[in-house]
Structures are given as C-alpha cells and as structure tokens.
Protein backbone atom coordinates (compact mmCIF):
# COMPACT_ATOMS: atom_id res chain seq x y z
CA MET A 1 19.21 -2.14 -10.63
CA ILE A 2 15.60 -2.62 -11.30
CA TYR A 3 13.73 -0.43 -8.37
CA ILE A 4 10.79 -2.16 -6.80
CA ALA A 5 7.41 0.43 -4.92
CA ILE A 6 5.05 -1.90 -3.39
CA GLY A 7 2.08 0.21 -3.64
CA GLN A 8 1.24 3.06 -6.34
CA LEU A 9 1.59 6.00 -3.82
CA ALA A 10 5.20 4.55 -3.30
CA GLY A 11 5.87 4.13 -6.95
CA THR A 12 4.78 7.65 -7.88
CA ALA A 13 7.36 8.79 -5.12
CA LEU A 14 10.10 6.63 -5.99
CA LYS A 15 10.27 7.35 -9.46
CA LYS A 16 10.95 10.77 -8.56
CA VAL A 17 14.47 9.73 -7.03
CA ALA A 18 15.39 6.45 -8.74
CA SER A 19 15.03 4.63 -12.12
CA PRO A 20 13.61 2.24 -13.49
CA VAL A 21 10.86 1.68 -11.05
CA LEU A 22 8.54 -1.20 -11.39
CA VAL A 23 5.15 -1.13 -9.22
CA ALA A 24 3.89 -4.00 -6.93
CA ASN A 25 0.30 -2.73 -7.04
CA ASP A 26 -1.11 -5.67 -5.42
CA ASN A 27 -3.03 -6.13 -2.15
CA LEU A 28 -1.92 -10.09 -1.44
CA LEU A 29 -3.50 -10.42 1.76
CA VAL A 30 -6.61 -11.15 -0.06
CA GLY A 31 -7.90 -13.71 -3.01
CA PRO A 32 -5.75 -17.12 -4.20
CA SER A 33 -1.98 -17.18 -4.04
CA CYS A 34 0.17 -19.49 -5.88
CA ARG A 35 4.02 -20.39 -5.97
CA VAL A 36 4.19 -20.82 -9.51
CA TRP A 37 4.09 -17.47 -11.44
CA THR A 38 1.73 -18.31 -14.67
CA ARG A 39 -1.07 -20.12 -11.97
CA HIS A 40 -0.33 -16.73 -9.78
CA ARG A 41 -1.03 -14.37 -12.42
CA SER A 42 -3.61 -16.12 -13.71
CA ALA A 43 -5.48 -16.56 -10.40
CA ARG A 44 -5.14 -12.88 -9.36
CA LYS A 45 -7.01 -11.86 -12.70
CA ARG A 46 -9.32 -13.97 -12.01
CA TYR A 47 -9.98 -12.47 -8.46
CA TRP A 48 -9.68 -8.94 -9.17
CA GLY A 49 -10.67 -8.82 -13.34
CA SER A 50 -8.25 -7.93 -14.34
CA ALA A 51 -4.11 -8.73 -13.96
CA PRO A 52 -2.68 -6.06 -11.62
CA SER A 53 1.17 -5.32 -11.73
CA ARG A 54 1.70 -6.78 -15.15
CA ARG A 55 4.92 -5.20 -15.98
CA LEU A 56 6.60 -6.17 -12.60
CA ASP A 57 5.16 -9.97 -13.04
CA GLU A 58 6.84 -10.11 -16.64
CA HIS A 59 10.08 -8.89 -15.20
CA LEU A 60 10.03 -11.47 -12.85
CA ARG A 61 8.90 -13.87 -15.20
CA SER A 62 11.55 -13.57 -17.53
CA ARG A 63 13.98 -15.07 -15.33
CA GLU A 64 17.03 -12.65 -15.98
CA LYS A 65 19.44 -12.33 -13.29
CA GLN A 66 19.58 -8.68 -12.39
CA ALA A 67 19.81 -6.46 -9.38
CA LEU A 68 16.86 -5.44 -7.68
CA CYS A 69 16.46 -2.99 -5.02
CA VAL A 70 13.24 -3.16 -3.11
CA LEU A 71 11.26 0.10 -1.61
CA PHE A 72 10.16 -2.02 1.89
CA PRO A 73 7.06 -0.08 3.95
CA PRO A 74 6.40 -1.57 7.45
CA THR A 75 3.18 -3.05 6.04
CA CYS A 76 1.46 -6.37 5.99
CA ASN A 77 1.06 -6.52 2.24
CA GLY A 78 4.84 -5.25 1.95
CA LEU A 79 6.26 -7.94 3.58
CA LEU A 80 4.15 -10.37 1.55
CA SER A 81 5.01 -9.08 -1.98
CA LEU A 82 9.02 -8.63 -0.57
CA CYS A 83 8.75 -12.08 0.00
CA ARG A 84 6.95 -13.37 -3.54
CA ILE A 85 10.27 -11.13 -4.82
CA SER A 86 12.81 -12.71 -3.08
CA GLN A 87 11.61 -15.87 -4.29
CA SER A 88 12.38 -14.73 -7.64
CA ALA A 89 15.39 -13.02 -6.76
CA LEU A 90 16.38 -17.40 -5.04
CA GLU A 91 15.52 -18.84 -8.11
CA THR A 92 17.26 -16.44 -10.68
CA ASP A 93 20.18 -16.11 -8.41
CA SER A 94 19.61 -12.27 -8.44
CA ASP A 95 21.24 -10.00 -5.89
CA LEU A 96 18.42 -8.27 -3.48
CA HIS A 97 19.23 -4.96 -1.94
CA VAL A 98 15.92 -3.50 0.27
CA ILE A 99 15.30 0.21 1.46
CA GLU A 100 13.27 -0.77 4.83
CA LEU A 101 11.18 2.70 5.13
CA ASP A 102 10.21 3.16 9.27
CA ALA A 103 7.11 4.11 10.80
CA GLU A 104 7.15 5.95 13.98
CA GLY A 105 4.90 4.34 16.36
CA THR A 106 4.25 1.12 14.65
CA PRO A 107 1.39 -0.38 16.34
CA VAL A 108 2.54 -3.25 18.39
CA VAL A 109 -0.13 -6.11 17.88
CA SER A 110 -1.73 -7.04 21.32
CA HIS A 111 -3.29 -10.25 22.70
CA GLU A 112 -7.05 -8.65 21.83
CA VAL A 113 -8.50 -10.44 19.38
CA ASP A 114 -8.33 -7.48 16.84
CA LEU A 115 -5.58 -5.80 14.72
CA PRO A 116 -3.98 -2.45 14.91
CA ARG A 117 -4.94 0.20 12.16
CA GLU A 118 -2.32 -0.61 9.52
CA THR A 119 0.58 1.76 8.94
CA CYS A 120 -0.28 5.20 6.46
CA LEU A 121 2.82 6.57 4.94
CA ASP A 122 3.60 9.68 3.62
CA PHE A 123 5.95 8.55 0.80
CA ASP A 124 7.04 11.88 -0.70
CA GLY A 125 8.45 13.00 2.85
CA ALA A 126 10.22 9.61 3.29
CA LEU A 127 11.44 9.78 -0.56
CA GLN A 128 12.99 13.53 -0.68
CA SER A 129 16.39 11.90 -1.80
CA LEU A 130 16.76 8.18 -1.86
CA PRO A 131 17.33 6.05 1.12
CA ALA A 132 20.50 3.86 1.48
CA ALA A 133 19.60 0.11 0.54
CA THR A 134 20.93 -2.90 2.34
CA ARG A 135 21.75 -5.88 0.23
CA TRP A 136 20.15 -9.04 1.79
CA SER A 137 21.97 -12.40 2.04
CA ARG A 138 21.44 -15.21 0.54
CA LEU A 139 20.33 -16.67 3.93
CA GLN A 140 18.09 -13.57 4.02
CA THR A 141 16.68 -14.06 0.88
CA ALA A 142 15.50 -17.33 1.37
CA LEU A 143 13.94 -17.11 4.63
CA ALA A 144 11.65 -14.29 2.83
CA ALA A 145 11.48 -17.04 0.21
CA GLY A 146 10.59 -19.72 2.17
CA LEU A 147 7.86 -17.63 3.58
CA TRP A 148 6.18 -16.78 0.53
CA ARG A 149 6.05 -20.44 -0.21
CA LEU A 150 4.31 -21.24 3.07
CA TRP A 151 1.62 -18.44 2.29
CA CYS A 152 1.08 -20.40 -0.76
CA GLY A 153 0.85 -23.81 0.67
CA ARG A 154 -2.75 -25.75 0.69
CA SER A 155 -2.39 -26.12 4.27
CA PRO A 156 -2.39 -22.97 6.29
CA VAL A 157 -0.96 -24.78 9.68
CA ALA A 158 2.69 -24.08 9.07
CA PHE A 159 2.35 -20.22 7.80
CA SER A 160 0.15 -19.95 11.20
CA ARG A 161 2.38 -21.65 13.29
CA PHE A 162 5.27 -19.76 11.80
CA CYS A 163 4.18 -16.03 12.44
CA SER A 164 3.18 -16.82 15.71
CA SER A 165 6.21 -18.29 16.97
CA SER A 166 8.79 -16.04 15.34
CA ALA A 167 7.69 -12.77 15.72
CA ALA A 168 10.38 -10.98 17.25
CA LEU A 169 12.27 -11.83 13.52
CA HIS A 170 10.19 -8.99 12.17
CA SER A 171 8.06 -6.44 13.46
CA GLN A 172 5.13 -7.06 10.69
CA LEU A 173 4.84 -11.03 11.45
CA ALA A 174 2.73 -10.59 14.35
CA SER A 175 -0.10 -8.52 12.38
CA LEU A 176 0.58 -10.52 9.86
CA GLY A 177 -0.48 -13.87 11.26
CA ARG A 178 -3.20 -12.15 13.40
CA TYR A 179 -4.93 -11.24 10.16
CA HIS A 180 -4.25 -14.61 8.78
CA ALA A 181 -5.84 -16.27 11.04
CA GLY A 182 -8.51 -13.92 11.62
CA LEU A 183 -10.04 -14.82 8.01
CA PHE A 184 -10.64 -18.82 9.23
CA PRO A 185 -13.53 -20.09 11.18
CA ARG A 186 -13.02 -20.22 14.93
CA ILE A 187 -13.09 -23.33 17.34
CA THR A 188 -13.83 -22.04 20.94
CA GLN A 189 -15.30 -23.69 23.87
CA ARG A 190 -19.12 -22.41 22.65
CA GLY A 191 -18.34 -24.31 19.25
CA LEU A 192 -17.89 -23.12 15.60
CA LEU A 193 -17.89 -19.25 15.35
CA LEU A 194 -17.92 -17.40 12.30
CA SER A 195 -14.07 -16.07 11.44
CA ARG A 196 -13.65 -12.47 13.62
CA LEU A 197 -13.82 -10.71 10.00
CA ASP A 198 -16.72 -12.28 9.13
CA GLU A 199 -18.15 -11.94 12.35
CA LEU A 200 -17.32 -7.78 12.08
CA ILE A 201 -18.70 -7.22 9.18
CA LEU A 202 -22.09 -9.00 9.25
CA ARG A 203 -22.68 -7.49 12.69
CA GLN A 204 -23.09 -4.11 10.87
CA LEU A 205 -25.98 -5.29 9.27
CA THR A 206 -29.85 -4.97 10.51
CA HIS A 207 -32.94 -5.28 8.78
CA GLU A 208 -33.31 -2.09 7.19
CA TRP A 209 -31.49 -1.63 3.83
CA THR A 210 -27.99 -0.64 3.45
CA THR A 211 -24.80 0.29 1.26
CA PRO A 212 -21.08 -0.61 2.20
CA ALA A 213 -20.85 2.57 1.58
CA ARG A 214 -22.62 3.53 4.83
CA LEU A 215 -21.50 0.70 6.72
CA PHE A 216 -17.84 1.51 6.00
CA ALA A 217 -18.43 5.28 7.17
CA SER A 218 -19.43 4.52 10.27
CA ALA A 219 -17.31 2.22 11.05
CA VAL A 220 -14.62 4.79 10.49
CA ARG A 221 -16.76 7.04 12.32
CA THR A 222 -17.45 4.87 15.48
CA SER A 223 -13.29 3.65 15.25
CA SER A 224 -14.89 0.58 15.44
CA PRO A 225 -12.37 -2.70 14.87
CA LEU A 226 -13.91 -3.27 11.65
CA ALA A 227 -12.66 -0.16 10.50
CA ALA A 228 -8.23 -1.08 11.46
CA TRP A 229 -9.44 -4.28 9.84
CA LEU A 230 -10.02 -3.01 6.44
CA THR A 231 -6.71 -1.06 6.59
CA TYR A 232 -5.56 -4.19 5.59
CA THR A 233 -8.13 -5.65 3.34
CA GLY A 234 -8.95 -2.27 1.67
CA ASP A 235 -12.54 -0.99 1.74
CA LEU A 236 -13.69 -2.75 -1.32
CA TYR A 237 -13.11 -5.55 0.55
CA LEU A 238 -16.46 -5.28 2.60
CA ALA A 239 -18.47 -5.06 -0.91
CA SER A 240 -17.10 -8.07 -2.12
CA ARG A 241 -17.59 -9.78 1.06
CA LEU A 242 -21.39 -8.91 1.59
CA LEU A 243 -22.22 -10.02 -2.17
CA ALA A 244 -20.44 -13.15 -1.32
CA TRP A 245 -22.75 -13.91 1.48
CA ALA A 246 -25.67 -12.24 -0.26
CA ASN A 247 -25.09 -14.58 -3.20
CA HIS A 248 -24.55 -17.65 -0.81
CA ALA A 249 -27.09 -20.64 -0.07
CA GLY A 250 -29.75 -18.87 -2.35
CA GLY A 251 -29.73 -15.77 0.05
CA SER A 252 -31.17 -17.18 2.78
CA LEU A 253 -29.03 -15.34 5.09
CA VAL A 254 -28.74 -11.82 3.41
CA GLU A 255 -30.81 -10.07 0.91
CA LYS A 256 -29.11 -8.09 -1.60
CA GLN A 257 -31.00 -5.32 -3.78
CA GLU A 258 -29.09 -3.49 -6.92
CA GLN A 259 -29.03 -0.19 -6.54
CA ALA A 260 -29.66 1.25 -10.48
CA GLY A 261 -26.82 3.90 -11.86
CA ALA A 262 -23.98 3.52 -9.07
CA ARG A 263 -20.78 4.22 -10.27
CA SER A 264 -19.34 2.61 -7.42
CA GLU A 265 -19.14 -0.79 -5.96
CA MET A 266 -19.45 0.39 -2.77
CA LEU A 267 -22.78 1.85 -3.78
CA ALA A 268 -23.78 -0.91 -6.56
CA TRP A 269 -25.93 -3.33 -4.11
CA SER A 270 -27.52 -2.74 -0.31
CA PHE A 271 -27.85 -5.33 1.62
CA ARG A 272 -29.82 -6.46 5.19
CA TRP A 273 -30.37 -9.51 7.22
CA ARG A 274 -32.76 -11.96 6.67
CA PRO A 275 -35.27 -12.20 9.25
CA GLY A 276 -33.92 -14.55 11.97
CA ALA A 277 -30.46 -15.05 9.95
CA GLU A 278 -28.63 -13.42 12.39
CA ALA A 279 -28.26 -15.99 14.66
CA ILE A 280 -25.37 -17.33 12.51
CA LEU A 281 -23.54 -14.69 14.63
CA ASP A 282 -23.64 -16.75 17.84
CA THR A 283 -23.29 -20.13 16.30
CA LEU A 284 -21.75 -21.49 12.66
CA PRO A 285 -24.11 -24.66 12.20
CA GLU A 286 -21.65 -25.84 9.23
CA LEU A 287 -18.53 -24.75 7.50
CA GLU A 288 -21.10 -24.71 4.18
CA SER A 289 -23.07 -21.90 6.15
CA ALA A 290 -20.64 -19.65 4.79
CA PRO A 291 -19.47 -18.58 1.57
CA PRO A 292 -15.76 -20.28 1.35
CA GLU A 293 -12.85 -17.21 1.30
CA TRP A 294 -9.33 -17.93 -0.73
CA ILE A 295 -6.20 -16.67 1.82
CA GLY A 296 -3.36 -17.59 -0.02
CA GLY A 297 -2.89 -20.59 -1.23
CA ALA A 298 -5.87 -22.16 1.45
CA VAL A 299 -9.64 -21.72 1.65
CA ALA A 300 -11.78 -20.75 4.42
CA TYR A 301 -15.12 -22.48 5.67
CA ASP A 302 -14.06 -25.58 2.89
CA SER A 303 -15.53 -28.48 4.65
CA ARG A 304 -13.10 -31.13 2.70
CA HIS A 305 -10.30 -29.14 4.82
CA PRO A 306 -12.02 -27.39 7.60
CA TRP A 307 -9.19 -25.45 8.90
CA CYS A 308 -10.07 -23.42 11.94
CA SER A 309 -8.48 -20.82 13.86
CA ARG A 310 -7.86 -21.17 17.67
CA ALA A 311 -6.42 -18.73 20.96
CA GLU A 312 -4.58 -19.59 24.05
CA ALA A 313 -4.42 -17.61 26.81
CA LYS A 314 -1.36 -15.45 26.16
CA ALA A 315 -1.18 -16.47 22.79
CA ASN A 316 -1.31 -15.64 19.27
CA THR A 317 -4.34 -17.02 17.53
CA TYR A 318 -3.35 -19.33 14.81
CA VAL A 319 -4.80 -21.95 12.67
CA VAL A 320 -5.23 -25.86 13.69
CA ARG A 321 -5.34 -29.04 11.59
CA PRO A 322 -8.91 -30.46 11.22
CA VAL A 323 -8.35 -33.20 13.47
CA THR A 324 -7.02 -31.08 16.24
CA ALA A 325 -10.23 -28.79 15.68
C-alpha cells in the first residue's frame, strides 16, 4: 500500500508511523488545474516556477494498479487533492483507502460573504499511531473523481452549483464553493464589482508605499476577513496578486517599487494606489480592467467567458453563466 499525505507537515508526521509515503505538496486552490496529467503538471510548473509533488505525480502517471491510502485533512485543498488522487485510482481500478482526520470545532460556513479561517491541525499529535483507514467504494471514488473533473472544467458553473447544492455531502464543500465563487467578479444590483478576494486585497492599499508583508501582518493583527482568506491561498498569494495588479494596464491602477536586496517575495516589492484608481473598489468598469486569474480550469476576468459570481438571499454565492450575468 502507498500512503499519501496532503501537505509537507502531514508527510513528515506520517513517515514516522507508515511507509512508503508520498506527499501531495501543492495548493490546488490557486492557479490552473487540468484533468490530463501531463498538462496539469506543465501548468503547475509554469505557475509555481518548479514542479510540486513530483514524486507523487510520477507515481500517479505510472498507471500501476496499487492500493492507495490517503491521509485526508479537513481542508479545502485536502478535499481537492483527494479528488485528484481519486481520479487516478478510478482510471487504474486501484483500491482507495482514506484516513479522514477530524478537527474539533471545524468552522461552519454562514450566509455571510466571507470564509472562516481554514482548519490548522497538529499532525504530530493526530498521528501518534496510524489511525484506521476506511476503504472507499467504487461509487465514493467516482463521485470524488467527478468533482475533480468539474474543478478542471473550462466552465466553472457546474462545479459552483454542485458545491452550493451538495454541501450536506461533506463538511468542506460549502467552504470550497464559497472560496471558488469568491475569486470571480461579482454581479450585483449596483453593477459589476471586483471579486471578493480582490476587493479585500486592494482595500488594504493606500497612497503610501507598503509591502505585502506589512499588509499581511496588519490583516492578521486586526483579524480582518482578508486574514481568513489567506489561510486558504497562502500568504505569498498576496504578493503575487498585487504584482499582477501592478503589471496590469501599464500600472495605471497600482504602482510598484522594487525593494533592493529583499530575500522574500513578501518584501521584494512595495505597492500603492495611483491617484484616483481606488474608484475601482466601487465599480468595475469592464472585465479587462482587472488582471485575469486562473481558478481550476476556468479564468476570472476573461471577457470571452465573462463568468460572474452572484449571491441570492439565504443561499451560498455561486458562479453564473455569462448570459445570466
């Protein structure tokens, strides 16, 4: 049996009680994803600048039939990673076993616009001995694989609808659906608005130079909604997204200034508003006003495929088709 840990911390802990262990060390919540393994690996390498989860990908591509046992943490990236592994198990007709770790007080998504903080587990404490694994049925494996295929689809609508209507199937589906919709621009009675995550990021800017590290520290210190969102994306997403904004439209919205000698991406650049540019927080003139962003197999702010998120009363936020928007 091959054991698979989701995340480096989980992998380090699992290696103390099981062998052999492969690690899924890639945050699939950000950047492009593809159903075809070769294209997925190439897309992730371009996005990160290196190939994450190389040993795991090589094993999954081998198409060998072998029992897999996944250590599944209660996180959104954990769910996506398990779904991707399920796709491989389905294609090779391999047995899939799952060790589902529980966290006390796992946050429940409310009908507010923002996410709860992502769950953080003490893997060393949870893995003092190897927990019992559950063998998944063919149907369970196929359902998880189907969710991965929806995530990789060029249209985000089916994935979004599934999450909003099937939250009772798993505790992470509601959070995953809210996160997914939160990266698309919003259609409201006021008109077109930035995505919720972009709004939270850009509202931190002023007309004074500041680094992503300083913005991140401020968000954590004040317990702002942005701090909770960054537990899903990782803190480096803040730096990369601000850089995308500064490089977009010739820097007409956000200015950047390189910090010489910086050893961290969070300190490499400083950012500030261009005069008058903060008006984009109140209305998005057109989709091209914002830098495009990959989310699974779809792209936000793409004028050719203008997906938008919408929220109904007492319902989760979800992505709608262009004609509906």
